Amino acid sequence: MKTLAVLALLGLSVSTLAVPALAEPLPGIRGVNHIGITVPDLAEAEAFFTDVLACQKATAFGPFGDNTGTFMQDVLDVDSRAVIEQITLMRCGFGSNIELFHYTAPDQKNVTPRNSDIGGHHIAFYVDDIDAAAAYLRDKGLKVNMGPIPVSEGPAAGQSILYFSAPWGLQLEAISFPQGMAYEKDGGPVLWSNTAPEK
């Protein structure tokens, strides 16, 4: 009761504190345009995304750097002597584009985080037939984790997943949910889907 009295004196209500104010969205936002990835060998990465995942190389450009100033640090928050040797933009079916970077930098680290590490990440590709995708990836000699794993309970029921890795360690996922996922029946927002982009 003392807390309520203090709030009343301050002119606040319990409901004001219970519901956080919603921030205004980024003006004009449409969605994810691309995912940028720094790779150790650009030719290898281009070949992998093209030959294994059927992405198409749209364009490439570079290099970018600043030999005397702080442009790279100011714009990209990297070492001021870092150089983007080349950028390659890939179109990957009905989904986000992939931007491949080849950097050189005096302080460059070569550490690939796992999904459990802060900054860990993966890119998921929707497939129509996850069993066929698993056989294909294994035939390519890639590192493929256990699976496919069908999810039969909870809000994600209906999907099947399979994690695999690019030759340089980038974590990827094949995912499929041809009949949708259980949470969609709740009537809330529905995740964007490669198979039904208009939803």
C-alpha atoms as a PDB file:
ATOM      1  CA  MET A   1       0.000   0.000   0.000  1.00  0.00           C
ATOM      2  CA  LYS A   2       2.876   2.368   0.744  1.00  0.00           C
ATOM      3  CA  THR A   3       4.113   1.894  -2.828  1.00  0.00           C
ATOM      4  CA  LEU A   4       0.691   2.801  -4.246  1.00  0.00           C
ATOM      5  CA  ALA A   5       0.550   5.885  -2.043  1.00  0.00           C
ATOM      6  CA  VAL A   6       3.981   7.018  -3.213  1.00  0.00           C
ATOM      7  CA  LEU A   7       2.972   6.495  -6.843  1.00  0.00           C
ATOM      8  CA  ALA A   8      -0.200   8.489  -6.266  1.00  0.00           C
ATOM      9  CA  LEU A   9       1.831  11.341  -4.795  1.00  0.00           C
ATOM     10  CA  LEU A  10       4.103  11.309  -7.839  1.00  0.00           C
ATOM     11  CA  GLY A  11       1.103  11.393 -10.154  1.00  0.00           C
ATOM     12  CA  LEU A  12       1.789   7.945 -11.562  1.00  0.00           C
ATOM     13  CA  SER A  13      -0.531   5.017 -11.960  1.00  0.00           C
ATOM     14  CA  VAL A  14       0.157   1.313 -11.705  1.00  0.00           C
ATOM     15  CA  SER A  15      -1.104   0.854 -15.272  1.00  0.00           C
ATOM     16  CA  THR A  16       1.432   3.413 -16.529  1.00  0.00           C
ATOM     17  CA  LEU A  17       4.272   1.386 -15.068  1.00  0.00           C
ATOM     18  CA  ALA A  18       2.876  -1.976 -16.118  1.00  0.00           C
ATOM     19  CA  VAL A  19       2.667  -1.200 -19.833  1.00  0.00           C
ATOM     20  CA  PRO A  20       5.908   0.025 -21.413  1.00  0.00           C
ATOM     21  CA  ALA A  21       5.579   2.773 -23.982  1.00  0.00           C
ATOM     22  CA  LEU A  22       5.924   1.482 -27.521  1.00  0.00           C
ATOM     23  CA  ALA A  23       8.726   3.127 -29.454  1.00  0.00           C
ATOM     24  CA  GLU A  24       8.084   4.641 -32.847  1.00  0.00           C
ATOM     25  CA  PRO A  25       9.366   2.320 -35.603  1.00  0.00           C
ATOM     26  CA  LEU A  26      12.203   3.247 -37.921  1.00  0.00           C
ATOM     27  CA  PRO A  27      10.550   5.560 -40.475  1.00  0.00           C
ATOM     28  CA  GLY A  28       9.765   3.821 -43.751  1.00  0.00           C
ATOM     29  CA  ILE A  29      11.013   0.387 -42.651  1.00  0.00           C
ATOM     30  CA  ARG A  30      10.050  -2.432 -45.047  1.00  0.00           C
ATOM     31  CA  GLY A  31      11.985  -5.440 -43.731  1.00  0.00           C
ATOM     32  CA  VAL A  32      15.356  -7.187 -43.886  1.00  0.00           C
ATOM     33  CA  ASN A  33      17.231  -6.325 -47.096  1.00  0.00           C
ATOM     34  CA  HIS A  34      20.464  -8.251 -46.658  1.00  0.00           C
ATOM     35  CA  ILE A  35      22.672 -10.122 -44.223  1.00  0.00           C
ATOM     36  CA  GLY A  36      26.359  -9.164 -44.273  1.00  0.00           C
ATOM     37  CA  ILE A  37      29.008 -11.791 -43.588  1.00  0.00           C
ATOM     38  CA  THR A  38      32.788 -11.386 -43.457  1.00  0.00           C
ATOM     39  CA  VAL A  39      34.438 -14.462 -44.947  1.00  0.00           C
ATOM     40  CA  PRO A  40      38.066 -15.653 -45.001  1.00  0.00           C
ATOM     41  CA  ASP A  41      38.099 -16.581 -48.705  1.00  0.00           C
ATOM     42  CA  LEU A  42      35.725 -14.695 -50.977  1.00  0.00           C
ATOM     43  CA  ALA A  43      36.083 -17.032 -53.965  1.00  0.00           C
ATOM     44  CA  GLU A  44      35.292 -20.041 -51.756  1.00  0.00           C
ATOM     45  CA  ALA A  45      32.279 -18.269 -50.253  1.00  0.00           C
ATOM     46  CA  GLU A  46      30.935 -17.195 -53.649  1.00  0.00           C
ATOM     47  CA  ALA A  47      31.303 -20.752 -54.944  1.00  0.00           C
ATOM     48  CA  PHE A  48      29.556 -22.197 -51.875  1.00  0.00           C
ATOM     49  CA  PHE A  49      26.564 -19.859 -52.033  1.00  0.00           C
ATOM     50  CA  THR A  50      26.304 -20.330 -55.803  1.00  0.00           C
ATOM     51  CA  ASP A  51      26.990 -24.044 -56.211  1.00  0.00           C
ATOM     52  CA  VAL A  52      25.434 -25.398 -53.005  1.00  0.00           C
ATOM     53  CA  LEU A  53      22.657 -22.926 -52.152  1.00  0.00           C
ATOM     54  CA  ALA A  54      21.744 -21.741 -55.679  1.00  0.00           C
ATOM     55  CA  CYS A  55      22.311 -18.057 -54.914  1.00  0.00           C
ATOM     56  CA  GLN A  56      23.196 -15.783 -57.818  1.00  0.00           C
ATOM     57  CA  LYS A  57      25.989 -13.229 -57.834  1.00  0.00           C
ATOM     58  CA  ALA A  58      24.342  -9.877 -58.546  1.00  0.00           C
ATOM     59  CA  THR A  59      27.362  -7.576 -58.357  1.00  0.00           C
ATOM     60  CA  ALA A  60      30.748  -7.021 -56.726  1.00  0.00           C
ATOM     61  CA  PHE A  61      32.743  -3.889 -55.925  1.00  0.00           C
ATOM     62  CA  GLY A  62      35.663  -2.597 -53.893  1.00  0.00           C
ATOM     63  CA  PRO A  63      38.208  -2.016 -52.506  1.00  0.00           C
ATOM     64  CA  PHE A  64      37.343   0.568 -49.836  1.00  0.00           C
ATOM     65  CA  GLY A  65      39.762   1.995 -47.314  1.00  0.00           C
ATOM     66  CA  ASP A  66      41.322   5.150 -45.930  1.00  0.00           C
ATOM     67  CA  ASN A  67      45.121   5.233 -45.740  1.00  0.00           C
ATOM     68  CA  THR A  68      45.377   8.398 -43.655  1.00  0.00           C
ATOM     69  CA  GLY A  69      42.064   9.242 -41.986  1.00  0.00           C
ATOM     70  CA  THR A  70      39.440   7.597 -39.792  1.00  0.00           C
ATOM     71  CA  PHE A  71      36.706   7.046 -42.385  1.00  0.00           C
ATOM     72  CA  MET A  72      36.546   3.267 -41.859  1.00  0.00           C
ATOM     73  CA  GLN A  73      36.379   3.665 -38.086  1.00  0.00           C
ATOM     74  CA  ASP A  74      33.810   6.457 -38.271  1.00  0.00           C
ATOM     75  CA  VAL A  75      31.502   4.667 -40.712  1.00  0.00           C
ATOM     76  CA  LEU A  76      31.915   0.966 -39.832  1.00  0.00           C
ATOM     77  CA  ASP A  77      33.460   0.995 -36.332  1.00  0.00           C
ATOM     78  CA  VAL A  78      36.457  -1.047 -37.504  1.00  0.00           C
ATOM     79  CA  ASP A  79      40.185  -0.327 -37.278  1.00  0.00           C
ATOM     80  CA  SER A  80      40.951   2.887 -39.161  1.00  0.00           C
ATOM     81  CA  ARG A  81      43.404   0.978 -41.393  1.00  0.00           C
ATOM     82  CA  ALA A  82      40.922  -1.811 -42.213  1.00  0.00           C
ATOM     83  CA  VAL A  83      40.286  -2.360 -45.910  1.00  0.00           C
ATOM     84  CA  ILE A  84      37.270  -3.965 -47.540  1.00  0.00           C
ATOM     85  CA  GLU A  85      39.039  -5.683 -50.402  1.00  0.00           C
ATOM     86  CA  GLN A  86      35.758  -6.654 -52.061  1.00  0.00           C
ATOM     87  CA  ILE A  87      32.023  -6.875 -51.453  1.00  0.00           C
ATOM     88  CA  THR A  88      29.918  -9.433 -53.334  1.00  0.00           C
ATOM     89  CA  LEU A  89      26.121  -9.236 -53.275  1.00  0.00           C
ATOM     90  CA  MET A  90      24.206 -12.487 -53.751  1.00  0.00           C
ATOM     91  CA  ARG A  91      20.507 -12.985 -54.528  1.00  0.00           C
ATOM     92  CA  CYS A  92      19.229 -16.066 -52.720  1.00  0.00           C
ATOM     93  CA  GLY A  93      15.824 -17.101 -54.043  1.00  0.00           C
ATOM     94  CA  PHE A  94      12.774 -15.620 -52.345  1.00  0.00           C
ATOM     95  CA  GLY A  95      14.478 -14.296 -49.251  1.00  0.00           C
ATOM     96  CA  SER A  96      17.049 -11.899 -47.907  1.00  0.00           C
ATOM     97  CA  ASN A  97      20.096 -11.057 -49.993  1.00  0.00           C
ATOM     98  CA  ILE A  98      23.555 -12.063 -48.753  1.00  0.00           C
ATOM     99  CA  GLU A  99      26.431  -9.561 -48.707  1.00  0.00           C
ATOM    100  CA  LEU A 100      29.880 -11.179 -48.571  1.00  0.00           C
ATOM    101  CA  PHE A 101      32.804  -9.092 -47.303  1.00  0.00           C
ATOM    102  CA  HIS A 102      36.516  -9.760 -47.699  1.00  0.00           C
ATOM    103  CA  TYR A 103      38.323  -7.572 -45.157  1.00  0.00           C
ATOM    104  CA  THR A 104      41.947  -7.088 -44.225  1.00  0.00           C
ATOM    105  CA  ALA A 105      42.642  -5.337 -40.926  1.00  0.00           C
ATOM    106  CA  PRO A 106      45.569  -5.026 -38.496  1.00  0.00           C
ATOM    107  CA  ASP A 107      43.419  -6.278 -35.613  1.00  0.00           C
ATOM    108  CA  GLN A 108      41.417  -8.897 -37.514  1.00  0.00           C
ATOM    109  CA  LYS A 109      40.352 -11.920 -35.447  1.00  0.00           C
ATOM    110  CA  ASN A 110      39.644 -15.330 -36.919  1.00  0.00           C
ATOM    111  CA  VAL A 111      37.093 -16.732 -34.483  1.00  0.00           C
ATOM    112  CA  THR A 112      33.816 -18.328 -35.572  1.00  0.00           C
ATOM    113  CA  PRO A 113      31.263 -18.071 -32.737  1.00  0.00           C
ATOM    114  CA  ARG A 114      28.998 -20.996 -31.952  1.00  0.00           C
ATOM    115  CA  ASN A 115      25.266 -20.444 -31.592  1.00  0.00           C
ATOM    116  CA  SER A 116      25.694 -20.429 -27.806  1.00  0.00           C
ATOM    117  CA  ASP A 117      28.264 -17.583 -27.908  1.00  0.00           C
ATOM    118  CA  ILE A 118      27.299 -13.920 -27.633  1.00  0.00           C
ATOM    119  CA  GLY A 119      27.221 -12.745 -31.231  1.00  0.00           C
ATOM    120  CA  GLY A 120      26.570 -16.295 -32.419  1.00  0.00           C
ATOM    121  CA  HIS A 121      24.366 -16.498 -35.463  1.00  0.00           C
ATOM    122  CA  HIS A 122      23.153 -18.665 -38.305  1.00  0.00           C
ATOM    123  CA  ILE A 123      21.340 -18.191 -41.593  1.00  0.00           C
ATOM    124  CA  ALA A 124      18.304 -20.380 -42.261  1.00  0.00           C
ATOM    125  CA  PHE A 125      17.206 -21.377 -45.759  1.00  0.00           C
ATOM    126  CA  TYR A 126      13.670 -22.615 -46.360  1.00  0.00           C
ATOM    127  CA  VAL A 127      13.482 -25.905 -48.293  1.00  0.00           C
ATOM    128  CA  ASP A 128      10.443 -27.744 -49.619  1.00  0.00           C
ATOM    129  CA  ASP A 129      11.793 -31.243 -48.831  1.00  0.00           C
ATOM    130  CA  ILE A 130      14.097 -31.306 -45.815  1.00  0.00           C
ATOM    131  CA  ASP A 131      14.969 -35.007 -46.171  1.00  0.00           C
ATOM    132  CA  ALA A 132      16.114 -34.436 -49.743  1.00  0.00           C
ATOM    133  CA  ALA A 133      18.057 -31.375 -48.583  1.00  0.00           C
ATOM    134  CA  ALA A 134      19.785 -33.405 -45.854  1.00  0.00           C
ATOM    135  CA  ALA A 135      20.844 -36.100 -48.331  1.00  0.00           C
ATOM    136  CA  TYR A 136      22.078 -33.439 -50.775  1.00  0.00           C
ATOM    137  CA  LEU A 137      24.167 -31.621 -48.135  1.00  0.00           C
ATOM    138  CA  ARG A 138      25.707 -34.866 -46.905  1.00  0.00           C
ATOM    139  CA  ASP A 139      26.507 -35.900 -50.493  1.00  0.00           C
ATOM    140  CA  LYS A 140      28.346 -32.570 -50.876  1.00  0.00           C
ATOM    141  CA  GLY A 141      30.618 -33.593 -47.997  1.00  0.00           C
ATOM    142  CA  LEU A 142      29.572 -30.716 -45.754  1.00  0.00           C
ATOM    143  CA  LYS A 143      29.498 -30.881 -41.970  1.00  0.00           C
ATOM    144  CA  VAL A 144      25.844 -31.727 -41.266  1.00  0.00           C
ATOM    145  CA  ASN A 145      24.547 -32.030 -37.704  1.00  0.00           C
ATOM    146  CA  MET A 146      22.034 -34.575 -36.438  1.00  0.00           C
ATOM    147  CA  GLY A 147      18.679 -34.444 -38.161  1.00  0.00           C
ATOM    148  CA  PRO A 148      16.431 -33.447 -39.727  1.00  0.00           C
ATOM    149  CA  ILE A 149      14.618 -32.915 -36.437  1.00  0.00           C
ATOM    150  CA  PRO A 150      10.808 -32.730 -36.701  1.00  0.00           C
ATOM    151  CA  VAL A 151       9.188 -30.482 -34.087  1.00  0.00           C
ATOM    152  CA  SER A 152       5.899 -32.030 -32.940  1.00  0.00           C
ATOM    153  CA  GLU A 153       5.042 -30.052 -29.792  1.00  0.00           C
ATOM    154  CA  GLY A 154       4.772 -26.433 -28.722  1.00  0.00           C
ATOM    155  CA  PRO A 155       4.327 -23.275 -30.792  1.00  0.00           C
ATOM    156  CA  ALA A 156       6.925 -24.340 -33.413  1.00  0.00           C
ATOM    157  CA  ALA A 157       5.244 -27.699 -34.058  1.00  0.00           C
ATOM    158  CA  GLY A 158       5.080 -28.380 -37.764  1.00  0.00           C
ATOM    159  CA  GLN A 159       8.617 -27.363 -38.620  1.00  0.00           C
ATOM    160  CA  SER A 160      11.637 -29.571 -39.266  1.00  0.00           C
ATOM    161  CA  ILE A 161      15.190 -28.278 -38.899  1.00  0.00           C
ATOM    162  CA  LEU A 162      18.711 -29.314 -39.842  1.00  0.00           C
ATOM    163  CA  TYR A 163      21.892 -27.423 -38.987  1.00  0.00           C
ATOM    164  CA  PHE A 164      24.950 -27.575 -41.236  1.00  0.00           C
ATOM    165  CA  SER A 165      28.126 -25.572 -41.821  1.00  0.00           C
ATOM    166  CA  ALA A 166      29.877 -23.869 -44.702  1.00  0.00           C
ATOM    167  CA  PRO A 167      33.461 -25.036 -45.325  1.00  0.00           C
ATOM    168  CA  TRP A 168      34.860 -22.096 -43.297  1.00  0.00           C
ATOM    169  CA  GLY A 169      32.537 -22.709 -40.319  1.00  0.00           C
ATOM    170  CA  LEU A 170      29.566 -20.395 -40.927  1.00  0.00           C
ATOM    171  CA  GLN A 171      26.524 -21.998 -39.318  1.00  0.00           C
ATOM    172  CA  LEU A 172      23.479 -22.509 -41.517  1.00  0.00           C
ATOM    173  CA  GLU A 173      20.100 -24.159 -41.165  1.00  0.00           C
ATOM    174  CA  ALA A 174      17.660 -25.870 -43.479  1.00  0.00           C
ATOM    175  CA  ILE A 175      14.085 -25.402 -42.288  1.00  0.00           C
ATOM    176  CA  SER A 176      10.732 -26.566 -43.618  1.00  0.00           C
ATOM    177  CA  PHE A 177       7.126 -26.135 -42.426  1.00  0.00           C
ATOM    178  CA  PRO A 178       4.914 -26.913 -45.420  1.00  0.00           C
ATOM    179  CA  GLN A 179       1.729 -26.969 -43.307  1.00  0.00           C
ATOM    180  CA  GLY A 180       2.708 -23.962 -41.206  1.00  0.00           C
ATOM    181  CA  MET A 181       3.490 -23.921 -37.478  1.00  0.00           C
ATOM    182  CA  ALA A 182       1.190 -24.372 -34.520  1.00  0.00           C
ATOM    183  CA  TYR A 183       1.501 -20.792 -33.213  1.00  0.00           C
ATOM    184  CA  GLU A 184      -0.158 -19.460 -36.398  1.00  0.00           C
ATOM    185  CA  LYS A 185      -3.538 -20.686 -35.120  1.00  0.00           C
ATOM    186  CA  ASP A 186      -3.376 -18.198 -32.212  1.00  0.00           C
ATOM    187  CA  GLY A 187      -4.245 -15.285 -34.484  1.00  0.00           C
ATOM    188  CA  GLY A 188      -1.263 -13.038 -33.709  1.00  0.00           C
ATOM    189  CA  PRO A 189       1.460 -11.827 -36.073  1.00  0.00           C
ATOM    190  CA  VAL A 190       2.688 -14.488 -38.494  1.00  0.00           C
ATOM    191  CA  LEU A 191       6.360 -14.788 -39.394  1.00  0.00           C
ATOM    192  CA  TRP A 192       7.269 -13.863 -42.956  1.00  0.00           C
ATOM    193  CA  SER A 193       7.538 -17.002 -45.076  1.00  0.00           C
ATOM    194  CA  ASN A 194       9.377 -17.697 -48.310  1.00  0.00           C
ATOM    195  CA  THR A 195       6.390 -19.755 -49.501  1.00  0.00           C
ATOM    196  CA  ALA A 196       3.744 -17.117 -48.746  1.00  0.00           C
ATOM    197  CA  PRO A 197       5.476 -13.715 -48.809  1.00  0.00           C
ATOM    198  CA  GLU A 198       2.196 -11.850 -49.100  1.00  0.00           C
ATOM    199  CA  LYS A 199       1.048 -12.861 -45.591  1.00  0.00           C
END
